[in-house]
Amino acid sequence: MTVQIAVRLPNDLVTYVDRQVQSGLASSRAAAVARALELQRRREIAERDAAIYLAHGEVEEFEPMIAHLSGSHLDLD
């Protein structure tokens, strides 16, 4: 099920979304926005999981991943 919503985006983000559609990387504006939100949601879940590992001291094999996730930001451009 999907729900239609209205959002206001800065011009530069609309231009980016439109480029995604024009280049075929997204089938529609809605698909491009949904993909970006899904990527952000996955990132937040990964950061939460990394924090859990860190809090429980189970980090040796995950240290490179945790360092990467905690120190980087998703750049959609």
PDB file of N, CA and C in Angstrom:
ATOM      1  N   MET A   1       0.841  -1.179   0.000  1.00  0.00           N
ATOM      2  CA  MET A   1       0.000   0.000   0.000  1.00  0.00           C
ATOM      3  C   MET A   1       0.886   1.241   0.000  1.00  0.00           C
ATOM      4  N   THR A   2       0.500   2.226  -0.750  1.00  0.00           N
ATOM      5  CA  THR A   2       1.215   3.500  -0.744  1.00  0.00           C
ATOM      6  C   THR A   2       0.243   4.614  -0.382  1.00  0.00           C
ATOM      7  N   VAL A   3       0.799   5.689   0.126  1.00  0.00           N
ATOM      8  CA  VAL A   3       0.020   6.871   0.487  1.00  0.00           C
ATOM      9  C   VAL A   3       0.649   8.063  -0.211  1.00  0.00           C
ATOM     10  N   GLN A   4      -0.157   8.854  -0.846  1.00  0.00           N
ATOM     11  CA  GLN A   4       0.347  10.050  -1.514  1.00  0.00           C
ATOM     12  C   GLN A   4       0.483  11.164  -0.498  1.00  0.00           C
ATOM     13  N   ILE A   5       1.653  11.826  -0.506  1.00  0.00           N
ATOM     14  CA  ILE A   5       1.894  12.978   0.367  1.00  0.00           C
ATOM     15  C   ILE A   5       2.463  14.114  -0.473  1.00  0.00           C
ATOM     16  N   ALA A   6       2.328  15.304   0.034  1.00  0.00           N
ATOM     17  CA  ALA A   6       2.912  16.469  -0.627  1.00  0.00           C
ATOM     18  C   ALA A   6       4.100  16.940   0.208  1.00  0.00           C
ATOM     19  N   VAL A   7       5.219  17.169  -0.448  1.00  0.00           N
ATOM     20  CA  VAL A   7       6.404  17.671   0.247  1.00  0.00           C
ATOM     21  C   VAL A   7       6.950  18.876  -0.505  1.00  0.00           C
ATOM     22  N   ARG A   8       7.588  19.745   0.224  1.00  0.00           N
ATOM     23  CA  ARG A   8       8.278  20.886  -0.381  1.00  0.00           C
ATOM     24  C   ARG A   8       9.766  20.612  -0.296  1.00  0.00           C
ATOM     25  N   LEU A   9      10.439  20.725  -1.438  1.00  0.00           N
ATOM     26  CA  LEU A   9      11.873  20.484  -1.499  1.00  0.00           C
ATOM     27  C   LEU A   9      12.566  21.701  -2.081  1.00  0.00           C
ATOM     28  N   PRO A  10      13.794  21.948  -1.657  1.00  0.00           N
ATOM     29  CA  PRO A  10      14.565  23.027  -2.269  1.00  0.00           C
ATOM     30  C   PRO A  10      14.797  22.733  -3.756  1.00  0.00           C
ATOM     31  N   ASN A  11      14.951  23.787  -4.519  1.00  0.00           N
ATOM     32  CA  ASN A  11      15.124  23.646  -5.970  1.00  0.00           C
ATOM     33  C   ASN A  11      16.256  22.699  -6.343  1.00  0.00           C
ATOM     34  N   ASP A  12      17.367  22.751  -5.608  1.00  0.00           N
ATOM     35  CA  ASP A  12      18.493  21.894  -5.971  1.00  0.00           C
ATOM     36  C   ASP A  12      18.163  20.415  -5.785  1.00  0.00           C
ATOM     37  N   LEU A  13      17.351  20.073  -4.795  1.00  0.00           N
ATOM     38  CA  LEU A  13      16.959  18.682  -4.617  1.00  0.00           C
ATOM     39  C   LEU A  13      15.982  18.236  -5.702  1.00  0.00           C
ATOM     40  N   VAL A  14      15.094  19.119  -6.099  1.00  0.00           N
ATOM     41  CA  VAL A  14      14.165  18.788  -7.186  1.00  0.00           C
ATOM     42  C   VAL A  14      14.950  18.566  -8.477  1.00  0.00           C
ATOM     43  N   THR A  15      15.930  19.406  -8.722  1.00  0.00           N
ATOM     44  CA  THR A  15      16.781  19.237  -9.907  1.00  0.00           C
ATOM     45  C   THR A  15      17.492  17.896  -9.857  1.00  0.00           C
ATOM     46  N   TYR A  16      18.012  17.530  -8.689  1.00  0.00           N
ATOM     47  CA  TYR A  16      18.683  16.242  -8.521  1.00  0.00           C
ATOM     48  C   TYR A  16      17.710  15.092  -8.793  1.00  0.00           C
ATOM     49  N   VAL A  17      16.534  15.154  -8.212  1.00  0.00           N
ATOM     50  CA  VAL A  17      15.528  14.105  -8.402  1.00  0.00           C
ATOM     51  C   VAL A  17      15.161  14.009  -9.881  1.00  0.00           C
ATOM     52  N   ASP A  18      14.941  15.130 -10.515  1.00  0.00           N
ATOM     53  CA  ASP A  18      14.591  15.117 -11.937  1.00  0.00           C
ATOM     54  C   ASP A  18      15.716  14.506 -12.784  1.00  0.00           C
ATOM     55  N   ARG A  19      16.975  14.760 -12.420  1.00  0.00           N
ATOM     56  CA  ARG A  19      18.096  14.152 -13.142  1.00  0.00           C
ATOM     57  C   ARG A  19      18.103  12.635 -12.967  1.00  0.00           C
ATOM     58  N   GLN A  20      17.744  12.188 -11.769  1.00  0.00           N
ATOM     59  CA  GLN A  20      17.660  10.750 -11.524  1.00  0.00           C
ATOM     60  C   GLN A  20      16.620  10.110 -12.441  1.00  0.00           C
ATOM     61  N   VAL A  21      15.492  10.776 -12.596  1.00  0.00           N
ATOM     62  CA  VAL A  21      14.418  10.260 -13.455  1.00  0.00           C
ATOM     63  C   VAL A  21      14.847  10.317 -14.921  1.00  0.00           C
ATOM     64  N   GLN A  22      15.395  11.443 -15.347  1.00  0.00           N
ATOM     65  CA  GLN A  22      15.793  11.603 -16.743  1.00  0.00           C
ATOM     66  C   GLN A  22      16.868  10.605 -17.158  1.00  0.00           C
ATOM     67  N   SER A  23      17.750  10.283 -16.238  1.00  0.00           N
ATOM     68  CA  SER A  23      18.842   9.352 -16.569  1.00  0.00           C
ATOM     69  C   SER A  23      18.416   7.894 -16.451  1.00  0.00           C
ATOM     70  N   GLY A  24      17.207   7.658 -15.947  1.00  0.00           N
ATOM     71  CA  GLY A  24      16.718   6.296 -15.817  1.00  0.00           C
ATOM     72  C   GLY A  24      17.096   5.618 -14.508  1.00  0.00           C
ATOM     73  N   LEU A  25      17.767   6.346 -13.616  1.00  0.00           N
ATOM     74  CA  LEU A  25      18.129   5.770 -12.320  1.00  0.00           C
ATOM     75  C   LEU A  25      16.920   5.636 -11.393  1.00  0.00           C
ATOM     76  N   ALA A  26      15.876   6.397 -11.684  1.00  0.00           N
ATOM     77  CA  ALA A  26      14.619   6.302 -10.933  1.00  0.00           C
ATOM     78  C   ALA A  26      13.488   6.342 -11.949  1.00  0.00           C
ATOM     79  N   SER A  27      12.441   5.605 -11.655  1.00  0.00           N
ATOM     80  CA  SER A  27      11.325   5.560 -12.605  1.00  0.00           C
ATOM     81  C   SER A  27      10.399   6.761 -12.477  1.00  0.00           C
ATOM     82  N   SER A  28      10.479   7.464 -11.342  1.00  0.00           N
ATOM     83  CA  SER A  28       9.624   8.629 -11.113  1.00  0.00           C
ATOM     84  C   SER A  28      10.216   9.451  -9.969  1.00  0.00           C
ATOM     85  N   ARG A  29       9.692  10.632  -9.788  1.00  0.00           N
ATOM     86  CA  ARG A  29      10.106  11.447  -8.641  1.00  0.00           C
ATOM     87  C   ARG A  29       9.809  10.710  -7.345  1.00  0.00           C
ATOM     88  N   ALA A  30       8.635  10.112  -7.273  1.00  0.00           N
ATOM     89  CA  ALA A  30       8.258   9.384  -6.059  1.00  0.00           C
ATOM     90  C   ALA A  30       9.232   8.245  -5.784  1.00  0.00           C
ATOM     91  N   ALA A  31       9.641   7.534  -6.827  1.00  0.00           N
ATOM     92  CA  ALA A  31      10.585   6.429  -6.645  1.00  0.00           C
ATOM     93  C   ALA A  31      11.935   6.940  -6.148  1.00  0.00           C
ATOM     94  N   ALA A  32      12.382   8.078  -6.669  1.00  0.00           N
ATOM     95  CA  ALA A  32      13.659   8.650  -6.236  1.00  0.00           C
ATOM     96  C   ALA A  32      13.604   9.061  -4.769  1.00  0.00           C
ATOM     97  N   VAL A  33      12.525   9.700  -4.369  1.00  0.00           N
ATOM     98  CA  VAL A  33      12.380  10.126  -2.967  1.00  0.00           C
ATOM     99  C   VAL A  33      12.252   8.904  -2.064  1.00  0.00           C
ATOM    100  N   ALA A  34      11.484   7.907  -2.471  1.00  0.00           N
ATOM    101  CA  ALA A  34      11.326   6.692  -1.667  1.00  0.00           C
ATOM    102  C   ALA A  34      12.667   5.985  -1.493  1.00  0.00           C
ATOM    103  N   ARG A  35      13.462   5.930  -2.554  1.00  0.00           N
ATOM    104  CA  ARG A  35      14.787   5.290  -2.465  1.00  0.00           C
ATOM    105  C   ARG A  35      15.676   6.039  -1.473  1.00  0.00           C
ATOM    106  N   ALA A  36      15.678   7.351  -1.541  1.00  0.00           N
ATOM    107  CA  ALA A  36      16.498   8.142  -0.619  1.00  0.00           C
ATOM    108  C   ALA A  36      16.069   7.912   0.830  1.00  0.00           C
ATOM    109  N   LEU A  37      14.768   7.869   1.056  1.00  0.00           N
ATOM    110  CA  LEU A  37      14.272   7.633   2.417  1.00  0.00           C
ATOM    111  C   LEU A  37      14.610   6.229   2.900  1.00  0.00           C
ATOM    112  N   GLU A  38      14.513   5.260   2.011  1.00  0.00           N
ATOM    113  CA  GLU A  38      14.864   3.880   2.378  1.00  0.00           C
ATOM    114  C   GLU A  38      16.346   3.771   2.716  1.00  0.00           C
ATOM    115  N   LEU A  39      17.191   4.418   1.938  1.00  0.00           N
ATOM    116  CA  LEU A  39      18.623   4.419   2.237  1.00  0.00           C
ATOM    117  C   LEU A  39      18.903   5.057   3.593  1.00  0.00           C
ATOM    118  N   GLN A  40      18.219   6.153   3.903  1.00  0.00           N
ATOM    119  CA  GLN A  40      18.396   6.807   5.202  1.00  0.00           C
ATOM    120  C   GLN A  40      17.923   5.899   6.329  1.00  0.00           C
ATOM    121  N   ARG A  41      16.801   5.237   6.117  1.00  0.00           N
ATOM    122  CA  ARG A  41      16.286   4.338   7.152  1.00  0.00           C
ATOM    123  C   ARG A  41      17.277   3.201   7.411  1.00  0.00           C
ATOM    124  N   ARG A  42      17.824   2.620   6.341  1.00  0.00           N
ATOM    125  CA  ARG A  42      18.812   1.549   6.503  1.00  0.00           C
ATOM    126  C   ARG A  42      20.050   2.041   7.231  1.00  0.00           C
ATOM    127  N   ARG A  43      20.463   3.256   6.918  1.00  0.00           N
ATOM    128  CA  ARG A  43      21.629   3.833   7.576  1.00  0.00           C
ATOM    129  C   ARG A  43      21.383   3.985   9.076  1.00  0.00           C
ATOM    130  N   GLU A  44      20.206   4.487   9.434  1.00  0.00           N
ATOM    131  CA  GLU A  44      19.881   4.659  10.853  1.00  0.00           C
ATOM    132  C   GLU A  44      19.828   3.326  11.581  1.00  0.00           C
ATOM    133  N   ILE A  45      19.305   2.293  10.930  1.00  0.00           N
ATOM    134  CA  ILE A  45      19.275   0.961  11.534  1.00  0.00           C
ATOM    135  C   ILE A  45      20.700   0.450  11.739  1.00  0.00           C
ATOM    136  N   ALA A  46      21.552   0.629  10.734  1.00  0.00           N
ATOM    137  CA  ALA A  46      22.948   0.183  10.847  1.00  0.00           C
ATOM    138  C   ALA A  46      23.674   0.929  11.959  1.00  0.00           C
ATOM    139  N   GLU A  47      23.431   2.234  12.077  1.00  0.00           N
ATOM    140  CA  GLU A  47      24.051   3.014  13.152  1.00  0.00           C
ATOM    141  C   GLU A  47      23.567   2.541  14.515  1.00  0.00           C
ATOM    142  N   ARG A  48      22.283   2.227  14.623  1.00  0.00           N
ATOM    143  CA  ARG A  48      21.732   1.715  15.882  1.00  0.00           C
ATOM    144  C   ARG A  48      22.367   0.378  16.234  1.00  0.00           C
ATOM    145  N   ASP A  49      22.470  -0.504  15.246  1.00  0.00           N
ATOM    146  CA  ASP A  49      23.079  -1.804  15.483  1.00  0.00           C
ATOM    147  C   ASP A  49      24.543  -1.654  15.898  1.00  0.00           C
ATOM    148  N   ALA A  50      25.260  -0.760  15.246  1.00  0.00           N
ATOM    149  CA  ALA A  50      26.662  -0.527  15.598  1.00  0.00           C
ATOM    150  C   ALA A  50      26.781  -0.024  17.032  1.00  0.00           C
ATOM    151  N   ALA A  51      25.874   0.842  17.443  1.00  0.00           N
ATOM    152  CA  ALA A  51      25.896   1.356  18.820  1.00  0.00           C
ATOM    153  C   ALA A  51      25.635   0.236  19.822  1.00  0.00           C
ATOM    154  N   ILE A  52      24.747  -0.696  19.465  1.00  0.00           N
ATOM    155  CA  ILE A  52      24.472  -1.837  20.348  1.00  0.00           C
ATOM    156  C   ILE A  52      25.728  -2.689  20.503  1.00  0.00           C
ATOM    157  N   TYR A  53      26.388  -3.005  19.386  1.00  0.00           N
ATOM    158  CA  TYR A  53      27.631  -3.774  19.460  1.00  0.00           C
ATOM    159  C   TYR A  53      28.667  -3.050  20.315  1.00  0.00           C
ATOM    160  N   LEU A  54      28.782  -1.750  20.114  1.00  0.00           N
ATOM    161  CA  LEU A  54      29.748  -0.961  20.867  1.00  0.00           C
ATOM    162  C   LEU A  54      29.425  -0.974  22.357  1.00  0.00           C
ATOM    163  N   ALA A  55      28.165  -0.846  22.714  1.00  0.00           N
ATOM    164  CA  ALA A  55      27.754  -0.818  24.117  1.00  0.00           C
ATOM    165  C   ALA A  55      28.012  -2.151  24.811  1.00  0.00           C
ATOM    166  N   HIS A  56      27.982  -3.236  24.070  1.00  0.00           N
ATOM    167  CA  HIS A  56      28.170  -4.565  24.658  1.00  0.00           C
ATOM    168  C   HIS A  56      29.588  -5.084  24.483  1.00  0.00           C
ATOM    169  N   GLY A  57      30.463  -4.237  23.971  1.00  0.00           N
ATOM    170  CA  GLY A  57      31.855  -4.625  23.831  1.00  0.00           C
ATOM    171  C   GLY A  57      32.120  -5.662  22.762  1.00  0.00           C
ATOM    172  N   GLU A  58      31.194  -5.886  21.869  1.00  0.00           N
ATOM    173  CA  GLU A  58      31.343  -6.879  20.803  1.00  0.00           C
ATOM    174  C   GLU A  58      31.759  -6.184  19.512  1.00  0.00           C
ATOM    175  N   VAL A  59      32.932  -5.567  19.552  1.00  0.00           N
ATOM    176  CA  VAL A  59      33.270  -4.717  18.420  1.00  0.00           C
ATOM    177  C   VAL A  59      34.535  -5.096  17.658  1.00  0.00           C
ATOM    178  N   GLU A  60      35.334  -5.983  18.165  1.00  0.00           N
ATOM    179  CA  GLU A  60      36.620  -6.243  17.532  1.00  0.00           C
ATOM    180  C   GLU A  60      36.521  -6.451  16.030  1.00  0.00           C
ATOM    181  N   GLU A  61      35.713  -7.404  15.610  1.00  0.00           N
ATOM    182  CA  GLU A  61      35.633  -7.683  14.178  1.00  0.00           C
ATOM    183  C   GLU A  61      34.818  -6.639  13.424  1.00  0.00           C
ATOM    184  N   PHE A  62      34.063  -5.821  14.157  1.00  0.00           N
ATOM    185  CA  PHE A  62      33.213  -4.817  13.519  1.00  0.00           C
ATOM    186  C   PHE A  62      33.793  -3.405  13.602  1.00  0.00           C
ATOM    187  N   GLU A  63      34.957  -3.243  14.215  1.00  0.00           N
ATOM    188  CA  GLU A  63      35.505  -1.897  14.404  1.00  0.00           C
ATOM    189  C   GLU A  63      35.612  -1.090  13.114  1.00  0.00           C
ATOM    190  N   PRO A  64      36.117  -1.657  12.009  1.00  0.00           N
ATOM    191  CA  PRO A  64      36.174  -0.857  10.771  1.00  0.00           C
ATOM    192  C   PRO A  64      34.789  -0.399  10.301  1.00  0.00           C
ATOM    193  N   MET A  65      33.794  -1.289  10.388  1.00  0.00           N
ATOM    194  CA  MET A  65      32.440  -0.928   9.970  1.00  0.00           C
ATOM    195  C   MET A  65      31.870   0.156  10.878  1.00  0.00           C
ATOM    196  N   ILE A  66      32.047   0.002  12.176  1.00  0.00           N
ATOM    197  CA  ILE A  66      31.511   0.971  13.131  1.00  0.00           C
ATOM    198  C   ILE A  66      32.153   2.339  12.918  1.00  0.00           C
ATOM    199  N   ALA A  67      33.457   2.345  12.727  1.00  0.00           N
ATOM    200  CA  ALA A  67      34.151   3.614  12.480  1.00  0.00           C
ATOM    201  C   ALA A  67      33.632   4.276  11.213  1.00  0.00           C
ATOM    202  N   HIS A  68      33.420   3.475  10.196  1.00  0.00           N
ATOM    203  CA  HIS A  68      32.917   4.018   8.933  1.00  0.00           C
ATOM    204  C   HIS A  68      31.506   4.585   9.100  1.00  0.00           C
ATOM    205  N   LEU A  69      30.624   3.824   9.737  1.00  0.00           N
ATOM    206  CA  LEU A  69      29.235   4.259   9.885  1.00  0.00           C
ATOM    207  C   LEU A  69      29.104   5.460  10.807  1.00  0.00           C
ATOM    208  N   SER A  70      29.887   5.498  11.855  1.00  0.00           N
ATOM    209  CA  SER A  70      29.727   6.587  12.810  1.00  0.00           C
ATOM    210  C   SER A  70      30.380   7.878  12.344  1.00  0.00           C
ATOM    211  N   GLY A  71      31.261   7.797  11.358  1.00  0.00           N
ATOM    212  CA  GLY A  71      31.956   8.996  10.925  1.00  0.00           C
ATOM    213  C   GLY A  71      31.616   9.462   9.537  1.00  0.00           C
ATOM    214  N   SER A  72      30.617   8.861   8.922  1.00  0.00           N
ATOM    215  CA  SER A  72      30.289   9.258   7.555  1.00  0.00           C
ATOM    216  C   SER A  72      28.843   9.719   7.471  1.00  0.00           C
ATOM    217  N   HIS A  73      28.576  10.458   6.418  1.00  0.00           N
ATOM    218  CA  HIS A  73      27.220  10.951   6.169  1.00  0.00           C
ATOM    219  C   HIS A  73      26.816  10.577   4.767  1.00  0.00           C
ATOM    220  N   LEU A  74      25.565  10.206   4.616  1.00  0.00           N
ATOM    221  CA  LEU A  74      25.063   9.854   3.299  1.00  0.00           C
ATOM    222  C   LEU A  74      24.934  11.111   2.451  1.00  0.00           C
ATOM    223  N   ASP A  75      25.603  11.104   1.295  1.00  0.00           N
ATOM    224  CA  ASP A  75      25.535  12.231   0.371  1.00  0.00           C
ATOM    225  C   ASP A  75      24.807  11.763  -0.877  1.00  0.00           C
ATOM    226  N   LEU A  76      23.635  12.305  -1.111  1.00  0.00           N
ATOM    227  CA  LEU A  76      22.824  11.855  -2.241  1.00  0.00           C
ATOM    228  C   LEU A  76      23.200  12.525  -3.555  1.00  0.00           C
ATOM    229  N   ASP A  77      24.122  13.468  -3.537  1.00  0.00           N
ATOM    230  CA  ASP A  77      24.548  14.104  -4.800  1.00  0.00           C
ATOM    231  C   ASP A  77      25.691  13.395  -5.429  1.00  0.00           C
TER     232      ASP A  77
END
